[in-house]
Amino acid sequence: MSPVVSKVVLAAFAAYAVAILAELVARGKVKRFLVEAALLALAAVVLHFTTGFPSSRQSFGGISPLLAMGILLVGTILGMTARYIFYIRGKFRWLSLVKPLVVSPIVLLPLIGSLQGQAALEPIQLVSFAFLSFQNGFFWKAVLDHADKN
């Protein structure tokens, strides 16, 4: 990450930490504070291992597009699974979970189009694409409905 981006992200993390601490003092919800603090720490750890956050470094090379496509496919499948679990009504059925996974490559196509022509991806780009693929997987019905109308 560039030094400016690192400072902005660090400031945002610090502001969020102050906000959840203030909420703890004001409302006394310890469990909520612990969950939010743990998620904030997890985000910092993920950024540290993918970009070297909070230190700034100029990275060279990157991750191959083939590995990136595999990660995006896994992200899409995880998003579809999360959607199924989030909207589950009644009894769990494996077939209802597996059927949407068949269309995961179709849902992934817009993101794969964004990767075309890239010789290599930087880790922060890959993290962003992974979150987008999870989002596309979670909203797979909307993605396909929108694709039909166009």
C-alpha atoms as a PDB file:
ATOM      1  CA  MET A   1       0.000   0.000   0.000  1.00  0.00           C
ATOM      2  CA  SER A   2       1.125   3.537  -0.593  1.00  0.00           C
ATOM      3  CA  PRO A   3       1.982   5.608   2.484  1.00  0.00           C
ATOM      4  CA  VAL A   4      -1.111   7.802   2.055  1.00  0.00           C
ATOM      5  CA  VAL A   5      -3.470   4.843   1.783  1.00  0.00           C
ATOM      6  CA  SER A   6      -1.844   3.172   4.792  1.00  0.00           C
ATOM      7  CA  LYS A   7      -2.297   6.323   6.892  1.00  0.00           C
ATOM      8  CA  VAL A   8      -5.940   6.720   5.846  1.00  0.00           C
ATOM      9  CA  VAL A   9      -6.731   3.075   6.633  1.00  0.00           C
ATOM     10  CA  LEU A  10      -4.888   3.299   9.953  1.00  0.00           C
ATOM     11  CA  ALA A  11      -6.850   6.455  10.842  1.00  0.00           C
ATOM     12  CA  ALA A  12     -10.120   4.711   9.943  1.00  0.00           C
ATOM     13  CA  PHE A  13      -9.191   1.712  12.113  1.00  0.00           C
ATOM     14  CA  ALA A  14      -8.304   4.032  15.012  1.00  0.00           C
ATOM     15  CA  ALA A  15     -11.555   6.013  14.643  1.00  0.00           C
ATOM     16  CA  TYR A  16     -13.586   2.812  14.601  1.00  0.00           C
ATOM     17  CA  ALA A  17     -11.751   1.519  17.681  1.00  0.00           C
ATOM     18  CA  VAL A  18     -12.532   4.768  19.528  1.00  0.00           C
ATOM     19  CA  ALA A  19     -16.185   4.545  18.413  1.00  0.00           C
ATOM     20  CA  ILE A  20     -16.688   0.999  19.673  1.00  0.00           C
ATOM     21  CA  LEU A  21     -14.891   1.842  22.911  1.00  0.00           C
ATOM     22  CA  ALA A  22     -17.165   4.871  23.412  1.00  0.00           C
ATOM     23  CA  GLU A  23     -20.183   2.672  22.731  1.00  0.00           C
ATOM     24  CA  LEU A  24     -18.924   0.186  25.335  1.00  0.00           C
ATOM     25  CA  VAL A  25     -18.619   2.934  27.930  1.00  0.00           C
ATOM     26  CA  ALA A  26     -22.009   4.469  27.045  1.00  0.00           C
ATOM     27  CA  ARG A  27     -24.070   1.293  26.726  1.00  0.00           C
ATOM     28  CA  GLY A  28     -22.028  -1.339  28.540  1.00  0.00           C
ATOM     29  CA  LYS A  29     -22.517  -4.026  25.892  1.00  0.00           C
ATOM     30  CA  VAL A  30     -19.369  -6.068  26.431  1.00  0.00           C
ATOM     31  CA  LYS A  31     -20.295  -8.927  24.082  1.00  0.00           C
ATOM     32  CA  ARG A  32     -20.936  -6.580  21.155  1.00  0.00           C
ATOM     33  CA  PHE A  33     -17.672  -4.739  21.869  1.00  0.00           C
ATOM     34  CA  LEU A  34     -15.697  -7.994  21.899  1.00  0.00           C
ATOM     35  CA  VAL A  35     -17.214  -9.146  18.599  1.00  0.00           C
ATOM     36  CA  GLU A  36     -16.549  -5.830  16.875  1.00  0.00           C
ATOM     37  CA  ALA A  37     -13.024  -5.578  18.305  1.00  0.00           C
ATOM     38  CA  ALA A  38     -12.276  -9.132  17.156  1.00  0.00           C
ATOM     39  CA  LEU A  39     -13.537  -8.369  13.631  1.00  0.00           C
ATOM     40  CA  LEU A  40     -11.470  -5.175  13.544  1.00  0.00           C
ATOM     41  CA  ALA A  41      -8.384  -7.116  14.625  1.00  0.00           C
ATOM     42  CA  LEU A  42      -9.124  -9.807  12.011  1.00  0.00           C
ATOM     43  CA  ALA A  43      -9.364  -7.146   9.301  1.00  0.00           C
ATOM     44  CA  ALA A  44      -6.019  -5.701  10.417  1.00  0.00           C
ATOM     45  CA  VAL A  45      -4.402  -9.148  10.379  1.00  0.00           C
ATOM     46  CA  VAL A  46      -5.739  -9.917   6.889  1.00  0.00           C
ATOM     47  CA  LEU A  47      -4.456  -6.571   5.617  1.00  0.00           C
ATOM     48  CA  HIS A  48      -1.108  -7.156   7.286  1.00  0.00           C
ATOM     49  CA  PHE A  49      -0.569 -10.524   5.636  1.00  0.00           C
ATOM     50  CA  THR A  50      -1.842  -9.447   2.211  1.00  0.00           C
ATOM     51  CA  THR A  51      -0.328  -5.965   1.939  1.00  0.00           C
ATOM     52  CA  GLY A  52       2.134  -5.539   4.803  1.00  0.00           C
ATOM     53  CA  PHE A  53      -0.191  -3.050   6.553  1.00  0.00           C
ATOM     54  CA  PRO A  54       0.478  -0.736   8.430  1.00  0.00           C
ATOM     55  CA  SER A  55       3.942  -0.311   6.954  1.00  0.00           C
ATOM     56  CA  SER A  56       4.165   0.966   3.413  1.00  0.00           C
ATOM     57  CA  ARG A  57       5.931  -1.062   0.821  1.00  0.00           C
ATOM     58  CA  GLN A  58       6.132  -1.113  -2.896  1.00  0.00           C
ATOM     59  CA  SER A  59       5.397  -4.593  -4.100  1.00  0.00           C
ATOM     60  CA  PHE A  60       6.619  -6.043  -7.334  1.00  0.00           C
ATOM     61  CA  GLY A  61       5.308  -9.068  -9.132  1.00  0.00           C
ATOM     62  CA  GLY A  62       1.945 -10.187  -7.891  1.00  0.00           C
ATOM     63  CA  ILE A  63      -0.400 -13.123  -8.046  1.00  0.00           C
ATOM     64  CA  SER A  64      -1.098 -14.978 -11.265  1.00  0.00           C
ATOM     65  CA  PRO A  65      -4.527 -14.536 -12.863  1.00  0.00           C
ATOM     66  CA  LEU A  66      -5.126 -18.319 -12.771  1.00  0.00           C
ATOM     67  CA  LEU A  67      -4.748 -18.414  -8.975  1.00  0.00           C
ATOM     68  CA  ALA A  68      -6.892 -15.274  -8.766  1.00  0.00           C
ATOM     69  CA  MET A  69      -9.680 -16.943 -10.758  1.00  0.00           C
ATOM     70  CA  GLY A  70      -9.594 -19.913  -8.387  1.00  0.00           C
ATOM     71  CA  ILE A  71      -9.874 -17.605  -5.392  1.00  0.00           C
ATOM     72  CA  LEU A  72     -12.741 -15.737  -7.049  1.00  0.00           C
ATOM     73  CA  LEU A  73     -14.568 -18.996  -7.747  1.00  0.00           C
ATOM     74  CA  VAL A  74     -14.217 -20.029  -4.102  1.00  0.00           C
ATOM     75  CA  GLY A  75     -15.461 -16.575  -3.020  1.00  0.00           C
ATOM     76  CA  THR A  76     -18.507 -16.865  -5.278  1.00  0.00           C
ATOM     77  CA  ILE A  77     -19.327 -20.340  -3.964  1.00  0.00           C
ATOM     78  CA  LEU A  78     -18.953 -19.130  -0.375  1.00  0.00           C
ATOM     79  CA  GLY A  79     -21.277 -16.213  -1.148  1.00  0.00           C
ATOM     80  CA  MET A  80     -23.911 -18.523  -2.618  1.00  0.00           C
ATOM     81  CA  THR A  81     -23.627 -20.812   0.406  1.00  0.00           C
ATOM     82  CA  ALA A  82     -23.953 -17.838   2.761  1.00  0.00           C
ATOM     83  CA  ARG A  83     -27.056 -16.676   0.899  1.00  0.00           C
ATOM     84  CA  TYR A  84     -28.645 -20.098   1.184  1.00  0.00           C
ATOM     85  CA  ILE A  85     -27.958 -20.246   4.919  1.00  0.00           C
ATOM     86  CA  PHE A  86     -29.106 -16.634   5.442  1.00  0.00           C
ATOM     87  CA  TYR A  87     -32.425 -17.172   3.661  1.00  0.00           C
ATOM     88  CA  ILE A  88     -33.074 -20.768   4.747  1.00  0.00           C
ATOM     89  CA  ARG A  89     -36.697 -21.458   5.539  1.00  0.00           C
ATOM     90  CA  GLY A  90     -37.585 -24.781   7.026  1.00  0.00           C
ATOM     91  CA  LYS A  91     -35.425 -27.835   6.659  1.00  0.00           C
ATOM     92  CA  PHE A  92     -31.886 -27.846   5.227  1.00  0.00           C
ATOM     93  CA  ARG A  93     -31.712 -29.543   1.820  1.00  0.00           C
ATOM     94  CA  TRP A  94     -28.429 -30.327   0.076  1.00  0.00           C
ATOM     95  CA  LEU A  95     -30.013 -30.131  -3.370  1.00  0.00           C
ATOM     96  CA  SER A  96     -31.276 -26.607  -2.713  1.00  0.00           C
ATOM     97  CA  LEU A  97     -27.749 -25.628  -1.711  1.00  0.00           C
ATOM     98  CA  VAL A  98     -25.983 -27.329  -4.634  1.00  0.00           C
ATOM     99  CA  LYS A  99     -28.283 -26.145  -7.452  1.00  0.00           C
ATOM    100  CA  PRO A 100     -27.136 -22.491  -7.357  1.00  0.00           C
ATOM    101  CA  LEU A 101     -23.490 -23.582  -7.298  1.00  0.00           C
ATOM    102  CA  VAL A 102     -23.917 -24.871 -10.854  1.00  0.00           C
ATOM    103  CA  VAL A 103     -24.340 -21.298 -12.098  1.00  0.00           C
ATOM    104  CA  SER A 104     -21.373 -19.949 -10.120  1.00  0.00           C
ATOM    105  CA  PRO A 105     -19.131 -19.725 -13.220  1.00  0.00           C
ATOM    106  CA  ILE A 106     -21.806 -17.640 -14.946  1.00  0.00           C
ATOM    107  CA  VAL A 107     -22.040 -15.288 -11.961  1.00  0.00           C
ATOM    108  CA  LEU A 108     -18.246 -15.079 -11.961  1.00  0.00           C
ATOM    109  CA  LEU A 109     -17.988 -14.015 -15.624  1.00  0.00           C
ATOM    110  CA  PRO A 110     -18.169 -10.222 -15.031  1.00  0.00           C
ATOM    111  CA  LEU A 111     -15.261 -10.407 -12.596  1.00  0.00           C
ATOM    112  CA  ILE A 112     -13.228 -12.662 -14.869  1.00  0.00           C
ATOM    113  CA  GLY A 113     -13.722 -10.063 -17.596  1.00  0.00           C
ATOM    114  CA  SER A 114     -12.099  -7.524 -15.275  1.00  0.00           C
ATOM    115  CA  LEU A 115      -9.062  -9.779 -14.923  1.00  0.00           C
ATOM    116  CA  GLN A 116      -8.453 -10.120 -18.652  1.00  0.00           C
ATOM    117  CA  GLY A 117      -5.251  -8.513 -19.795  1.00  0.00           C
ATOM    118  CA  GLN A 118      -3.757  -8.455 -16.294  1.00  0.00           C
ATOM    119  CA  ALA A 119      -0.326 -10.065 -16.165  1.00  0.00           C
ATOM    120  CA  ALA A 120      -0.397 -10.188 -12.364  1.00  0.00           C
ATOM    121  CA  LEU A 121      -2.512  -8.843  -9.521  1.00  0.00           C
ATOM    122  CA  GLU A 122      -1.291  -7.137  -6.391  1.00  0.00           C
ATOM    123  CA  PRO A 123      -2.548  -8.647  -3.112  1.00  0.00           C
ATOM    124  CA  ILE A 124      -4.848  -5.707  -2.309  1.00  0.00           C
ATOM    125  CA  GLN A 125      -6.478  -6.063  -5.731  1.00  0.00           C
ATOM    126  CA  LEU A 126      -7.021  -9.750  -5.082  1.00  0.00           C
ATOM    127  CA  VAL A 127      -8.622  -9.065  -1.691  1.00  0.00           C
ATOM    128  CA  SER A 128     -10.973  -6.545  -3.331  1.00  0.00           C
ATOM    129  CA  PHE A 129     -11.896  -8.978  -6.102  1.00  0.00           C
ATOM    130  CA  ALA A 130     -12.451 -11.746  -3.517  1.00  0.00           C
ATOM    131  CA  PHE A 131     -14.936  -9.546  -1.626  1.00  0.00           C
ATOM    132  CA  LEU A 132     -16.671  -8.680  -4.903  1.00  0.00           C
ATOM    133  CA  SER A 133     -16.920 -12.351  -5.850  1.00  0.00           C
ATOM    134  CA  PHE A 134     -18.446 -13.153  -2.447  1.00  0.00           C
ATOM    135  CA  GLN A 135     -20.936 -10.318  -2.973  1.00  0.00           C
ATOM    136  CA  ASN A 136     -21.797 -11.563  -6.480  1.00  0.00           C
ATOM    137  CA  GLY A 137     -22.317 -15.038  -5.048  1.00  0.00           C
ATOM    138  CA  PHE A 138     -24.551 -13.752  -2.258  1.00  0.00           C
ATOM    139  CA  PHE A 139     -26.678 -11.752  -4.696  1.00  0.00           C
ATOM    140  CA  TRP A 140     -26.505 -14.312  -7.508  1.00  0.00           C
ATOM    141  CA  LYS A 141     -30.240 -14.154  -8.274  1.00  0.00           C
ATOM    142  CA  ALA A 142     -30.120 -10.383  -8.701  1.00  0.00           C
ATOM    143  CA  VAL A 143     -26.972 -10.654 -10.845  1.00  0.00           C
ATOM    144  CA  LEU A 144     -28.636 -13.154 -13.201  1.00  0.00           C
ATOM    145  CA  ASP A 145     -31.938 -11.248 -13.283  1.00  0.00           C
ATOM    146  CA  HIS A 146     -30.071  -8.076 -14.212  1.00  0.00           C
ATOM    147  CA  ALA A 147     -28.091  -9.917 -16.899  1.00  0.00           C
ATOM    148  CA  ASP A 148     -31.358 -11.176 -18.447  1.00  0.00           C
ATOM    149  CA  LYS A 149     -32.775  -7.659 -18.807  1.00  0.00           C
ATOM    150  CA  ASN A 150     -29.694  -6.423 -20.648  1.00  0.00           C
END
